[in-house]
Structures are given as C-alpha cells and as structure tokens.
Amino acid sequence: MTELRIEEPDREEDAADAGLPRRLGVSALLYDSAVYGGTRVVVKSLAFLLIPLYAHFLTPAEFGVLELVLATMALVDVFINLPGTLARFYFDRDDPAWRRQIVTLYLAIEASYPAVLIGGLILFSGVLSDRIIGVETYAAFFVIALCDLYLTNIVDLPLSLARLRRKPLTFAFYALMRAGTQITFAVLLVAVWQIGVKGILIASLTSAGVVFVVSAREYVRDLTRRVSLGPAREMISFAWPSVISGLAFYSLNFIDRFFIKHYHGLADNGLYGAAFRYSQIVLVGVVAFRLGWPQWHYSWLHSGRHQQMVARGANYSFFGLGFLAALVSLWILPLFHLVMPERYWDATAAVPPLALSALAAGAYTAFAVGFNVTKRMRLVPPIAVGAGALAIGLYFLLVPPYSFLGAAWGTAAASWALALAALVVGQRIYPVPWEWRRLVAATGLTLALALAALVLDDRLSLLPSLPLRAALTLAYPLGLLALGYFPADDVAKARAALARLRPGR
C-alpha cells in the first residue's frame, strides 16, 4: 500500500474530482488499455494456469457442474448490474459535489436491491440445484456463488472509480490483489485439500471479501447525505433497459450451457467450459478496450471531433482484438497438447468460433457508442432481444446434432448479428465516419485465419503444422501493414517514437 500511495498519492477531494483532460489522444486510449489490459493479461495468465490444474482434479462432468453454477450467477448478475451507468452520470458535470452524489446514489442502489434478490435465491438454493443440475446435492455451491456475486457487485464501484479517475495503477493493485488471493486459495483448496468445485467457489468468495475491505477507501470519502432523488430516478431510467438487453446478452453467452447439458450431458458441457475459458484470452483484450474506452471517448464529447476520434479509436481496437483472435485460434491446439489432459483435447475445435464471438463483442462496444452518448439506451433492448432470439434458435438447430461445436458457432453468428444491428441503428442516431476499408480488412483476415486454424487442426499432425501456424500468425500484422491499414501520420509518429528509444538518443 505504501508503494501505491507513492505512485498515485491521495489528493484532496476537489482535486481528485477535477475532471479528466478535455481531449485525450489515441496514445491515452492505448496507455489506459495497455495498463488495464496488462493487468487483465497478468490476472488471466495466472487464472489460465489454474485450468490445467482443475482439469487434472476435475472430471469433465464436474467441470460441467461448475459451468452451470457460473452460468446461473451470470443470469442473476443481469438483474443487479448497472453497466455504463456510473460512467455516464459521473461525467455529466465536473462539479465535485455532483460526483459525490452520483457515487452515493450508485452505491445505495447496488447495495440494497441486490441484497433482496440474492437473499431470496439463497433461501431457495436447494430448489435451484434441483432444477438446474438435477439434484439438491449442490445447494451449497449456489449459496457460496451468490454471496460471491453480491460482494463482487459492490467491489465494482471502487474499481470503476479508479478507471474513471484515471488511476490505472490503483486499479491494477486491486485486481492483482483479488487474483492473487483467489489463486492461492484455489490451489490450496483444489490441489492440496481436494475439495473440488466447492473449493473453486470458496476461493473466489474469499478474494472478493478481501478486495471489498481494502478497496472501500476509494469511495467512503465520497459518500454524502446531500442527495437528490432526481438523479437516482434518472440513473434507474437509464439503466433499466440494460436488464432486458442483458437477458439477450445472456442468451448469447451463457444459455448454451443449458442446451448442451440437456442434449449431451455434463461431460460435453465441461469440454465447452474449457474451450470458453481459453477463448477468454480474446475477451481479456475486449475488456481492456472497454475499460479504457469510456473515459477516452467522453473526453472528446464536447470538442466537435468526437465522431472522428471514435472512428479512429475503433481502427486500433479492431486490429488488436483481431490479432488476439487469430493468435488464439492458431495456437490453441498446441497449447492443449502441452498443458491439458487428453480427455479435454476435443474442446479445441470450439475455440476459434468463440474467439470470433469475442471479437464481435469488441465491435459492439465501438458501434454502440451512440446509444450511450445520446442516452437512448431504450434502443438497445430490441436489437439485443433479436440477437438473443437468433442465438436460441441456432442452439435448437445446431446443439442437438453438433453438441458444443454447434453452440460455439451459434454464439459467433448471433454475436456478429448483434454487432451489425448496433452499427445500423447507432448510425441513424449518432453518425460516425467509420473507416470501412480498414474495419472490413481486419475482420475478414481474422475470419480467414480462424478457419485456416481449423483446417490445420483437422488435416495436419501437430509438429508439421507448427511452421505453418507461425507463418499465418505473422500474416496478420504484415498483411494489414501491406494493405495500408495504419494511417501514414500514425506510422510516422510510431517510427519517431521508436527512434527516440534507441540508445544514444
């Protein structure tokens, strides 16, 4: 903690809330995303190391049980989470008193209603276990996971404030603290004491409790009794459409587990869970982009150049996320052969489509910027519901014959349908001059490499495929560079920055 204070000293409240610079350049977006993304990479890298550990101590069926518990928590989270609300209202005014009021109201909303909902579900945990898994034996799993969800919901406030105030090192400290605590307890509970799935859930709950206590310093001084119900009503009005759209997003991301379990059992569900976790390497990049995106593009909101800067930032997000998706698709099979038990190797075929689905999530974040800027969030539920309905239809069509592979491709197709729908509707209410040639080039090349990875996995044995995988990996950045993906002035600035880093300069 002492080191943290030296790097980012606590300031007086007025100074801390003085507002972000009015115009943050692309370098600021890259910096914030790099810090947040770097943190996520470290956290996820540590978490990814646990997946082989879990695979050695859990059967695919036990992994399937864990997937169903976590999928249920994701559904509950839809009803208690207020995505984007704090950021949108925090930046409405630069007035410190206004911001203290918003923080207070946000905490009050997120602490009260979720307690009622989660408390009720805990009382019926036995029923949940019976209806979802088929027996009441796993009721304790749901109780632990629900308590974890409630604490995590509160912990989101200080983490969000660290981002909005551009304190990435503070954010990294809290995130790494939670990851370190969770990983330590997971190793002890799963590998040493062999408690299994319950140990994984207890480790997550313990880490949430630790960060809940430590991170409270980020908001306790902002709490005030001088609040008005007007902003609270406006925040709820802004957020409620996210419940409807959240249900649709849930259909895109989690409901497929229940289809797989129903048609093919817990073991296939466990294989799908392993594939999903490794596709999250791309989601790490998406989350990094989302964490840096709001404060960056809002800094240009009143400059007259907001739309142009949004388009420019999207170019770099598509490049970075596309490269991650291609990288994961090309190298997932060698990775599984290296670290995972053979009984999980069949899961790799689901990773490329899930990586493409994650890329679609990043595209949606960029394309949906107009909904947040204009506060017309009521337009999101219809398109989200449409995409969710498409996903469910594809699951009915593809999961019975193709199991988790059908679920993966159904998720990818519905996710891109959602992103394109957000693009069409968003352009009508808030036109952005997207650079189509660049966006299509990055997306098309990513798709081609993901399909090539599947062909390699199917047609060649592992060792002969390695040189081809390396060549295809390099083809992504070199191909886009040859196509003139990067603006000339940005290339010149990058070269000048590299030249300044040379020894003797």
Protein backbone atom coordinates (compact mmCIF):
# COMPACT_ATOMS: atom_id res chain seq x y z
CA MET A 1 0.00 0.00 0.00
CA THR A 2 2.87 2.38 0.70
CA GLU A 3 4.25 1.94 -2.79
CA LEU A 4 0.83 2.54 -4.21
CA ARG A 5 0.49 5.85 -2.41
CA ILE A 6 3.87 6.98 -3.66
CA GLU A 7 2.91 6.25 -7.25
CA GLU A 8 -0.56 7.72 -7.02
CA PRO A 9 -0.83 9.91 -3.92
CA ASP A 10 -4.23 10.55 -2.41
CA ARG A 11 -5.40 14.02 -3.30
CA GLU A 12 -7.95 16.34 -1.80
CA GLU A 13 -11.48 15.54 -2.94
CA ASP A 14 -11.80 18.61 -5.14
CA ALA A 15 -8.53 17.84 -6.85
CA ALA A 16 -9.34 14.19 -7.29
CA ASP A 17 -12.62 15.07 -8.99
CA ALA A 18 -11.37 17.97 -11.04
CA GLY A 19 -12.22 16.01 -14.19
CA LEU A 20 -10.28 14.37 -16.93
CA PRO A 21 -8.38 16.32 -19.56
CA ARG A 22 -10.85 17.52 -22.11
CA ARG A 23 -9.12 15.88 -25.05
CA LEU A 24 -7.22 12.64 -24.61
CA GLY A 25 -5.25 11.46 -27.62
CA VAL A 26 -5.11 7.97 -29.07
CA SER A 27 -1.97 7.43 -27.00
CA ALA A 28 -4.07 7.90 -23.83
CA LEU A 29 -6.53 5.26 -25.05
CA LEU A 30 -3.63 2.94 -25.82
CA TYR A 31 -1.99 3.67 -22.46
CA ASP A 32 -5.12 3.06 -20.41
CA SER A 33 -6.00 -0.03 -22.41
CA ALA A 34 -2.41 -1.29 -22.11
CA VAL A 35 -2.37 -0.86 -18.33
CA TYR A 36 -5.82 -2.34 -17.86
CA GLY A 37 -5.14 -4.96 -20.50
CA GLY A 38 -1.75 -5.74 -18.99
CA THR A 39 -3.41 -6.20 -15.63
CA ARG A 40 -6.02 -8.47 -17.16
CA VAL A 41 -3.33 -10.40 -19.01
CA VAL A 42 -1.44 -10.99 -15.76
CA VAL A 43 -4.63 -11.93 -13.92
CA LYS A 44 -5.92 -14.18 -16.67
CA SER A 45 -2.49 -15.70 -17.26
CA LEU A 46 -2.45 -16.77 -13.64
CA ALA A 47 -6.03 -17.99 -13.94
CA PHE A 48 -5.22 -19.88 -17.14
CA LEU A 49 -2.52 -21.71 -15.24
CA LEU A 50 -5.26 -22.99 -12.96
CA ILE A 51 -7.29 -24.50 -15.80
CA PRO A 52 -4.88 -27.43 -16.31
CA LEU A 53 -4.85 -27.86 -12.53
CA TYR A 54 -8.64 -28.02 -12.46
CA ALA A 55 -8.60 -30.37 -15.45
CA HIS A 56 -6.36 -32.80 -13.59
CA PHE A 57 -8.51 -32.78 -10.44
CA LEU A 58 -11.97 -32.42 -12.02
CA THR A 59 -13.62 -34.71 -14.50
CA PRO A 60 -15.36 -33.08 -17.49
CA ALA A 61 -18.68 -33.79 -15.73
CA GLU A 62 -17.54 -31.91 -12.59
CA PHE A 63 -16.33 -29.10 -14.82
CA GLY A 64 -19.82 -29.15 -16.32
CA VAL A 65 -21.37 -28.64 -12.87
CA LEU A 66 -19.13 -25.61 -12.32
CA GLU A 67 -20.22 -24.21 -15.69
CA LEU A 68 -23.89 -24.50 -14.76
CA VAL A 69 -23.38 -22.76 -11.39
CA LEU A 70 -21.45 -19.91 -13.02
CA ALA A 71 -23.99 -19.63 -15.84
CA THR A 72 -26.74 -19.24 -13.24
CA MET A 73 -24.77 -16.50 -11.49
CA ALA A 74 -24.39 -14.71 -14.80
CA LEU A 75 -28.17 -14.71 -15.15
CA VAL A 76 -28.64 -13.25 -11.66
CA ASP A 77 -25.99 -10.64 -12.44
CA VAL A 78 -28.13 -9.37 -15.32
CA PHE A 79 -30.73 -8.19 -12.80
CA ILE A 80 -28.35 -6.45 -10.38
CA ASN A 81 -25.69 -4.93 -12.62
CA LEU A 82 -25.92 -1.36 -13.98
CA PRO A 83 -23.39 -1.35 -16.82
CA GLY A 84 -22.26 2.07 -18.02
CA THR A 85 -24.47 3.98 -15.60
CA LEU A 86 -21.79 5.28 -13.25
CA ALA A 87 -19.52 6.43 -16.09
CA ARG A 88 -22.31 8.20 -17.97
CA PHE A 89 -23.58 10.21 -14.99
CA TYR A 90 -20.17 10.77 -13.39
CA PHE A 91 -19.10 12.78 -16.44
CA ASP A 92 -22.32 14.77 -16.74
CA ARG A 93 -20.74 17.54 -14.66
CA ASP A 94 -17.25 18.42 -13.47
CA ASP A 95 -18.68 19.56 -10.12
CA PRO A 96 -17.21 17.52 -7.20
CA ALA A 97 -20.49 17.74 -5.25
CA TRP A 98 -22.36 16.26 -8.20
CA ARG A 99 -19.90 13.40 -8.46
CA ARG A 100 -20.11 12.62 -4.75
CA GLN A 101 -23.88 12.46 -5.07
CA ILE A 102 -23.66 10.09 -8.05
CA VAL A 103 -21.24 7.79 -6.20
CA THR A 104 -23.52 7.73 -3.14
CA LEU A 105 -26.66 7.00 -5.14
CA TYR A 106 -24.93 4.32 -7.20
CA LEU A 107 -23.73 2.54 -4.06
CA ALA A 108 -27.17 2.76 -2.44
CA ILE A 109 -28.84 1.22 -5.49
CA GLU A 110 -26.26 -1.53 -5.92
CA ALA A 111 -26.24 -2.47 -2.22
CA SER A 112 -29.96 -2.56 -1.49
CA TYR A 113 -31.94 -4.21 -4.29
CA PRO A 114 -29.37 -6.96 -4.99
CA ALA A 115 -29.41 -7.91 -1.29
CA VAL A 116 -33.14 -8.64 -1.51
CA LEU A 117 -32.88 -10.65 -4.72
CA ILE A 118 -29.80 -12.64 -3.74
CA GLY A 119 -31.12 -13.26 -0.22
CA GLY A 120 -34.29 -14.76 -1.66
CA LEU A 121 -32.34 -17.01 -4.00
CA ILE A 122 -30.17 -18.25 -1.14
CA LEU A 123 -33.32 -19.37 0.68
CA PHE A 124 -34.26 -21.45 -2.36
CA SER A 125 -30.78 -22.73 -3.19
CA GLY A 126 -31.91 -26.33 -2.89
CA VAL A 127 -34.62 -25.76 -5.46
CA LEU A 128 -32.09 -24.04 -7.75
CA SER A 129 -29.75 -27.01 -7.53
CA ASP A 130 -32.52 -29.49 -8.24
CA ARG A 131 -33.96 -27.58 -11.21
CA ILE A 132 -30.63 -26.72 -12.83
CA ILE A 133 -28.39 -29.73 -12.15
CA GLY A 134 -30.97 -32.37 -11.31
CA VAL A 135 -30.21 -32.97 -7.61
CA GLU A 136 -30.24 -30.83 -4.45
CA THR A 137 -26.72 -32.01 -3.55
CA TYR A 138 -25.14 -28.85 -4.94
CA ALA A 139 -27.23 -26.30 -3.00
CA ALA A 140 -24.14 -25.15 -1.06
CA PHE A 141 -22.41 -24.35 -4.36
CA PHE A 142 -25.17 -21.88 -5.21
CA VAL A 143 -25.09 -20.27 -1.75
CA ILE A 144 -21.33 -19.64 -1.99
CA ALA A 145 -21.58 -18.33 -5.53
CA LEU A 146 -24.47 -15.99 -4.68
CA CYS A 147 -22.57 -14.45 -1.76
CA ASP A 148 -19.58 -14.00 -4.05
CA LEU A 149 -21.76 -12.29 -6.65
CA TYR A 150 -23.12 -9.79 -4.13
CA LEU A 151 -19.66 -8.76 -2.90
CA THR A 152 -18.33 -8.58 -6.44
CA ASN A 153 -21.19 -6.26 -7.34
CA ILE A 154 -20.11 -3.84 -4.60
CA VAL A 155 -16.42 -4.15 -5.46
CA ASP A 156 -17.20 -2.99 -9.00
CA LEU A 157 -17.73 0.54 -7.62
CA PRO A 158 -14.17 1.26 -6.42
CA LEU A 159 -12.73 -0.46 -9.48
CA SER A 160 -14.88 1.72 -11.74
CA LEU A 161 -13.89 4.87 -9.86
CA ALA A 162 -10.21 4.02 -10.27
CA ARG A 163 -10.77 3.85 -14.02
CA LEU A 164 -12.90 6.97 -14.28
CA ARG A 165 -10.35 8.97 -12.30
CA ARG A 166 -7.58 7.55 -14.49
CA LYS A 167 -5.77 5.73 -11.69
CA PRO A 168 -4.77 2.61 -13.62
CA LEU A 169 -2.11 1.56 -11.12
CA THR A 170 -4.66 1.61 -8.32
CA PHE A 171 -7.00 -0.45 -10.47
CA ALA A 172 -4.17 -2.88 -11.17
CA PHE A 173 -3.38 -3.16 -7.47
CA TYR A 174 -6.93 -4.16 -6.55
CA ALA A 175 -7.29 -6.53 -9.50
CA LEU A 176 -4.00 -8.27 -8.79
CA MET A 177 -4.81 -8.49 -5.09
CA ARG A 178 -8.04 -10.30 -5.88
CA ALA A 179 -6.37 -12.58 -8.39
CA GLY A 180 -3.52 -13.45 -6.06
CA THR A 181 -5.86 -14.24 -3.19
CA GLN A 182 -8.16 -16.32 -5.38
CA ILE A 183 -5.35 -18.29 -6.97
CA THR A 184 -3.65 -19.01 -3.65
CA PHE A 185 -6.81 -20.35 -2.06
CA ALA A 186 -7.80 -22.23 -5.22
CA VAL A 187 -4.51 -24.12 -5.25
CA LEU A 188 -4.86 -24.97 -1.58
CA LEU A 189 -8.50 -25.98 -1.73
CA VAL A 190 -8.42 -27.88 -5.02
CA ALA A 191 -4.93 -29.37 -5.27
CA VAL A 192 -3.93 -29.74 -1.62
CA TRP A 193 -7.19 -30.35 0.21
CA GLN A 194 -9.01 -31.63 -2.92
CA ILE A 195 -12.36 -30.04 -2.18
CA GLY A 196 -13.14 -29.82 -5.90
CA VAL A 197 -15.72 -27.42 -7.33
CA LYS A 198 -16.66 -26.13 -3.88
CA GLY A 199 -13.03 -25.15 -3.32
CA ILE A 200 -13.01 -23.08 -6.53
CA LEU A 201 -16.14 -21.22 -5.40
CA ILE A 202 -14.84 -20.62 -1.86
CA ALA A 203 -11.57 -19.24 -3.25
CA SER A 204 -13.49 -16.73 -5.38
CA LEU A 205 -15.68 -15.66 -2.43
CA THR A 206 -12.63 -15.19 -0.18
CA SER A 207 -10.88 -13.00 -2.74
CA ALA A 208 -14.00 -10.85 -3.20
CA GLY A 209 -14.19 -10.31 0.57
CA VAL A 210 -10.55 -9.22 0.78
CA VAL A 211 -10.88 -6.67 -2.02
CA PHE A 212 -14.22 -5.45 -0.63
CA VAL A 213 -12.45 -4.40 2.57
CA VAL A 214 -9.28 -2.99 1.02
CA SER A 215 -10.90 -1.04 -1.84
CA ALA A 216 -13.52 0.72 0.30
CA ARG A 217 -11.08 3.63 0.65
CA GLU A 218 -11.86 4.60 -2.95
CA TYR A 219 -15.40 5.71 -2.21
CA VAL A 220 -16.03 6.11 1.55
CA ARG A 221 -14.91 9.76 1.47
CA ASP A 222 -17.25 10.43 -1.44
CA LEU A 223 -20.37 9.34 0.42
CA THR A 224 -22.68 12.19 1.34
CA ARG A 225 -26.10 12.70 2.89
CA ARG A 226 -26.88 15.54 0.48
CA VAL A 227 -28.50 13.62 -2.34
CA SER A 228 -31.47 14.22 -4.56
CA LEU A 229 -33.85 11.55 -5.78
CA GLY A 230 -33.96 13.15 -9.22
CA PRO A 231 -30.59 11.82 -10.37
CA ALA A 232 -31.42 8.44 -8.81
CA ARG A 233 -34.58 8.18 -10.89
CA GLU A 234 -32.67 9.24 -13.97
CA MET A 235 -29.96 6.64 -13.31
CA ILE A 236 -32.55 3.89 -12.93
CA SER A 237 -34.32 5.06 -16.08
CA PHE A 238 -31.00 4.96 -17.91
CA ALA A 239 -30.09 1.52 -16.56
CA TRP A 240 -33.33 -0.47 -16.72
CA PRO A 241 -33.12 -1.20 -20.46
CA SER A 242 -29.83 -2.93 -19.69
CA VAL A 243 -31.80 -5.63 -17.82
CA ILE A 244 -33.73 -6.51 -20.97
CA SER A 245 -30.68 -6.27 -23.18
CA GLY A 246 -28.69 -8.12 -20.51
CA LEU A 247 -31.06 -11.07 -20.79
CA ALA A 248 -30.43 -11.10 -24.51
CA PHE A 249 -26.67 -10.90 -23.98
CA TYR A 250 -27.06 -13.76 -21.53
CA SER A 251 -28.66 -15.81 -24.29
CA LEU A 252 -25.59 -15.08 -26.40
CA ASN A 253 -23.03 -16.00 -23.77
CA PHE A 254 -24.36 -18.48 -21.21
CA ILE A 255 -27.67 -20.12 -22.04
CA ASP A 256 -25.92 -22.50 -24.43
CA ARG A 257 -24.61 -24.41 -21.38
CA PHE A 258 -28.13 -25.49 -20.53
CA PHE A 259 -28.74 -26.69 -24.10
CA ILE A 260 -25.52 -28.70 -24.09
CA LYS A 261 -26.31 -30.24 -20.70
CA HIS A 262 -29.86 -31.13 -21.80
CA TYR A 263 -28.90 -32.73 -25.11
CA HIS A 264 -25.42 -34.12 -24.43
CA GLY A 265 -24.80 -34.19 -20.66
CA LEU A 266 -22.39 -32.67 -18.17
CA ALA A 267 -19.20 -34.01 -19.79
CA ASP A 268 -19.74 -32.13 -23.07
CA ASN A 269 -20.67 -29.11 -21.01
CA GLY A 270 -17.32 -29.38 -19.24
CA LEU A 271 -15.45 -29.54 -22.56
CA TYR A 272 -17.29 -26.43 -23.72
CA GLY A 273 -16.39 -24.69 -20.48
CA ALA A 274 -12.70 -25.42 -21.04
CA ALA A 275 -12.90 -24.05 -24.60
CA PHE A 276 -14.73 -20.95 -23.41
CA ARG A 277 -12.10 -20.21 -20.77
CA TYR A 278 -9.28 -20.21 -23.29
CA SER A 279 -11.28 -18.10 -25.74
CA GLN A 280 -11.35 -15.55 -22.93
CA ILE A 281 -7.83 -14.58 -23.94
CA VAL A 282 -9.59 -12.52 -26.60
CA LEU A 283 -12.15 -11.31 -24.06
CA VAL A 284 -9.25 -10.01 -21.98
CA GLY A 285 -8.46 -7.70 -24.87
CA VAL A 286 -12.12 -6.74 -25.21
CA VAL A 287 -12.34 -5.91 -21.51
CA ALA A 288 -9.12 -3.88 -21.71
CA PHE A 289 -10.62 -1.90 -24.57
CA ARG A 290 -13.87 -1.38 -22.66
CA LEU A 291 -12.02 -0.23 -19.57
CA GLY A 292 -10.11 2.43 -21.47
CA TRP A 293 -12.85 3.37 -23.92
CA PRO A 294 -15.42 5.42 -21.88
CA GLN A 295 -13.08 7.97 -20.32
CA TRP A 296 -11.18 8.29 -23.59
CA HIS A 297 -14.05 8.96 -25.97
CA TYR A 298 -16.04 11.03 -23.44
CA SER A 299 -13.04 13.36 -23.17
CA TRP A 300 -13.77 14.33 -26.81
CA LEU A 301 -17.53 14.63 -26.31
CA HIS A 302 -17.73 18.45 -26.46
CA SER A 303 -14.77 19.05 -28.78
CA GLY A 304 -16.57 18.87 -32.13
CA ARG A 305 -14.37 15.92 -33.12
CA HIS A 306 -15.97 13.16 -31.08
CA GLN A 307 -17.26 11.06 -34.00
CA GLN A 308 -13.94 11.25 -35.85
CA MET A 309 -11.99 10.17 -32.79
CA VAL A 310 -14.40 7.28 -32.13
CA ALA A 311 -13.78 6.02 -35.66
CA ARG A 312 -10.04 6.38 -35.23
CA GLY A 313 -10.02 4.53 -31.91
CA ALA A 314 -12.12 1.73 -33.42
CA ASN A 315 -9.45 1.08 -36.06
CA TYR A 316 -6.91 0.19 -33.42
CA SER A 317 -9.35 -1.86 -31.37
CA PHE A 318 -10.25 -3.98 -34.41
CA PHE A 319 -6.56 -4.51 -35.19
CA GLY A 320 -5.59 -5.54 -31.65
CA LEU A 321 -8.61 -7.73 -30.98
CA GLY A 322 -8.45 -9.34 -34.41
CA PHE A 323 -4.82 -10.25 -33.87
CA LEU A 324 -5.66 -11.82 -30.50
CA ALA A 325 -8.49 -13.85 -32.04
CA ALA A 326 -6.21 -15.13 -34.80
CA LEU A 327 -3.43 -15.91 -32.34
CA VAL A 328 -5.69 -17.91 -30.03
CA SER A 329 -7.28 -19.81 -32.92
CA LEU A 330 -3.94 -20.79 -34.43
CA TRP A 331 -2.19 -21.89 -31.24
CA ILE A 332 -4.90 -23.37 -29.04
CA LEU A 333 -4.32 -26.97 -30.15
CA PRO A 334 -0.57 -26.94 -29.37
CA LEU A 335 -1.36 -25.31 -26.04
CA PHE A 336 -3.88 -28.01 -25.11
CA HIS A 337 -1.43 -30.75 -26.07
CA LEU A 338 1.11 -29.11 -23.79
CA VAL A 339 -0.94 -28.41 -20.64
CA MET A 340 -4.29 -30.20 -20.72
CA PRO A 341 -5.17 -33.88 -20.14
CA GLU A 342 -6.02 -35.71 -23.35
CA ARG A 343 -9.67 -36.07 -22.35
CA TYR A 344 -10.05 -32.30 -22.91
CA TRP A 345 -8.34 -32.03 -26.32
CA ASP A 346 -11.58 -32.27 -28.32
CA ALA A 347 -12.61 -28.92 -26.84
CA THR A 348 -10.15 -27.00 -29.04
CA ALA A 349 -12.44 -27.07 -32.07
CA ALA A 350 -14.83 -24.72 -30.26
CA VAL A 351 -12.19 -22.09 -29.53
CA PRO A 352 -11.93 -20.34 -32.96
CA PRO A 353 -15.68 -19.60 -33.23
CA LEU A 354 -15.74 -18.45 -29.60
CA ALA A 355 -12.76 -16.19 -30.33
CA LEU A 356 -14.69 -14.69 -33.25
CA SER A 357 -17.62 -14.18 -30.90
CA ALA A 358 -15.35 -12.27 -28.53
CA LEU A 359 -14.19 -10.09 -31.43
CA ALA A 360 -17.85 -9.31 -32.12
CA ALA A 361 -18.21 -8.15 -28.51
CA GLY A 362 -15.43 -5.65 -29.09
CA ALA A 363 -17.07 -4.47 -32.31
CA TYR A 364 -20.36 -3.99 -30.47
CA THR A 365 -18.64 -1.80 -27.86
CA ALA A 366 -17.41 0.54 -30.59
CA PHE A 367 -20.58 0.51 -32.68
CA ALA A 368 -22.88 1.14 -29.69
CA VAL A 369 -21.18 4.36 -28.62
CA GLY A 370 -24.09 6.47 -29.90
CA PHE A 371 -26.58 4.84 -27.54
CA ASN A 372 -24.57 5.98 -24.52
CA VAL A 373 -23.73 9.43 -25.84
CA THR A 374 -27.34 10.25 -26.68
CA LYS A 375 -28.66 8.39 -23.60
CA ARG A 376 -31.04 6.46 -25.86
CA MET A 377 -30.46 3.12 -24.17
CA ARG A 378 -34.07 2.12 -24.84
CA LEU A 379 -32.97 1.33 -28.37
CA VAL A 380 -30.62 -1.40 -27.16
CA PRO A 381 -33.17 -3.97 -25.85
CA PRO A 382 -34.96 -4.55 -29.19
CA ILE A 383 -31.77 -5.32 -31.09
CA ALA A 384 -30.37 -7.33 -28.19
CA VAL A 385 -33.56 -9.36 -27.90
CA GLY A 386 -33.42 -10.03 -31.64
CA ALA A 387 -29.86 -11.31 -31.36
CA GLY A 388 -30.74 -13.37 -28.29
CA ALA A 389 -33.70 -14.94 -30.09
CA LEU A 390 -31.44 -15.74 -33.02
CA ALA A 391 -28.94 -17.39 -30.66
CA ILE A 392 -31.62 -19.57 -29.05
CA GLY A 393 -32.93 -20.58 -32.47
CA LEU A 394 -29.42 -21.53 -33.57
CA TYR A 395 -28.90 -23.54 -30.37
CA PHE A 396 -32.07 -25.52 -31.05
CA LEU A 397 -30.85 -26.10 -34.59
CA LEU A 398 -27.15 -26.79 -34.00
CA VAL A 399 -26.67 -28.17 -30.48
CA PRO A 400 -28.64 -31.45 -30.86
CA PRO A 401 -26.54 -32.68 -33.84
CA TYR A 402 -23.22 -30.96 -33.12
CA SER A 403 -23.14 -30.52 -29.31
CA PHE A 404 -20.80 -27.79 -28.06
CA LEU A 405 -19.40 -27.12 -31.55
CA GLY A 406 -22.87 -26.12 -32.68
CA ALA A 407 -23.21 -23.91 -29.61
CA ALA A 408 -19.91 -22.17 -30.39
CA TRP A 409 -20.83 -21.37 -34.00
CA GLY A 410 -24.34 -20.32 -33.00
CA THR A 411 -22.85 -17.92 -30.45
CA ALA A 412 -20.46 -16.46 -33.03
CA ALA A 413 -23.22 -15.92 -35.62
CA ALA A 414 -25.62 -14.29 -33.14
CA SER A 415 -22.87 -12.10 -31.66
CA TRP A 416 -21.99 -10.67 -35.05
CA ALA A 417 -25.67 -10.14 -35.82
CA LEU A 418 -25.89 -8.06 -32.65
CA ALA A 419 -22.81 -6.01 -33.53
CA LEU A 420 -24.09 -5.27 -37.03
CA ALA A 421 -27.54 -4.35 -35.72
CA ALA A 422 -25.91 -1.90 -33.26
CA LEU A 423 -23.97 -0.44 -36.17
CA VAL A 424 -27.06 0.13 -38.31
CA VAL A 425 -29.21 1.61 -35.55
CA GLY A 426 -26.35 3.57 -33.97
CA GLN A 427 -25.54 5.26 -37.28
CA ARG A 428 -29.07 6.60 -37.53
CA ILE A 429 -28.96 8.36 -34.17
CA TYR A 430 -25.28 9.28 -34.00
CA PRO A 431 -23.42 9.04 -37.33
CA VAL A 432 -19.76 8.08 -37.06
CA PRO A 433 -17.41 8.21 -40.08
CA TRP A 434 -16.22 4.62 -39.78
CA GLU A 435 -13.26 3.71 -41.97
CA TRP A 436 -14.90 0.72 -43.61
CA ARG A 437 -11.95 -0.45 -45.65
CA ARG A 438 -9.83 -0.87 -42.55
CA LEU A 439 -12.53 -2.48 -40.41
CA VAL A 440 -13.51 -4.99 -43.11
CA ALA A 441 -9.86 -5.84 -43.79
CA ALA A 442 -9.12 -6.58 -40.13
CA THR A 443 -12.29 -8.61 -39.61
CA GLY A 444 -12.00 -10.56 -42.87
CA LEU A 445 -8.38 -11.50 -42.23
CA THR A 446 -9.24 -12.65 -38.70
CA LEU A 447 -12.04 -14.87 -40.01
CA ALA A 448 -9.77 -16.35 -42.68
CA LEU A 449 -7.07 -17.20 -40.16
CA ALA A 450 -9.57 -18.74 -37.71
CA LEU A 451 -10.88 -21.02 -40.47
CA ALA A 452 -7.32 -21.83 -41.53
CA ALA A 453 -6.57 -22.86 -37.94
CA LEU A 454 -9.45 -25.34 -38.01
CA VAL A 455 -8.17 -26.80 -41.28
CA LEU A 456 -4.68 -27.18 -39.82
CA ASP A 457 -6.06 -28.86 -36.71
CA ASP A 458 -8.02 -31.32 -38.82
CA ARG A 459 -5.59 -32.09 -41.66
CA LEU A 460 -2.08 -31.98 -40.18
CA SER A 461 -0.47 -33.58 -37.19
CA LEU A 462 0.86 -31.22 -34.57
CA LEU A 463 4.59 -30.97 -35.34
CA PRO A 464 4.33 -30.43 -39.14
CA SER A 465 1.72 -27.74 -38.56
CA LEU A 466 3.90 -25.56 -36.33
CA PRO A 467 5.79 -23.69 -39.12
CA LEU A 468 2.51 -23.00 -40.90
CA ARG A 469 0.98 -21.69 -37.69
CA ALA A 470 3.92 -19.32 -37.22
CA ALA A 471 3.66 -18.09 -40.82
CA LEU A 472 -0.08 -17.49 -40.53
CA THR A 473 0.43 -15.63 -37.26
CA LEU A 474 2.84 -13.20 -38.94
CA ALA A 475 0.48 -12.87 -41.89
CA TYR A 476 -1.98 -10.86 -39.82
CA PRO A 477 0.08 -7.76 -38.92
CA LEU A 478 2.19 -7.90 -42.09
CA GLY A 479 -0.85 -8.31 -44.30
CA LEU A 480 -2.64 -5.33 -42.78
CA LEU A 481 0.52 -3.25 -42.96
CA ALA A 482 0.85 -4.08 -46.66
CA LEU A 483 -2.79 -3.12 -47.20
CA GLY A 484 -2.15 0.33 -45.70
CA TYR A 485 -4.27 -0.32 -42.64
CA PHE A 486 -2.43 2.20 -40.48
CA PRO A 487 -2.69 5.93 -41.33
CA ALA A 488 0.59 7.36 -42.64
CA ASP A 489 0.81 10.03 -39.94
CA ASP A 490 0.37 7.41 -37.19
CA VAL A 491 3.08 5.24 -38.75
CA ALA A 492 5.40 8.26 -38.87
CA LYS A 493 4.73 9.07 -35.22
CA ALA A 494 5.37 5.47 -34.21
CA ARG A 495 8.66 5.42 -36.08
CA ALA A 496 9.72 8.70 -34.47
CA ALA A 497 8.86 7.34 -31.02
CA LEU A 498 10.89 4.18 -31.67
CA ALA A 499 13.79 6.27 -32.87
CA ARG A 500 13.78 8.24 -29.64
CA LEU A 501 14.04 4.97 -27.69
CA ARG A 502 17.27 3.94 -29.42
CA PRO A 503 20.43 4.03 -27.28
CA GLY A 504 22.33 7.27 -27.54
CA ARG A 505 19.29 9.35 -28.43
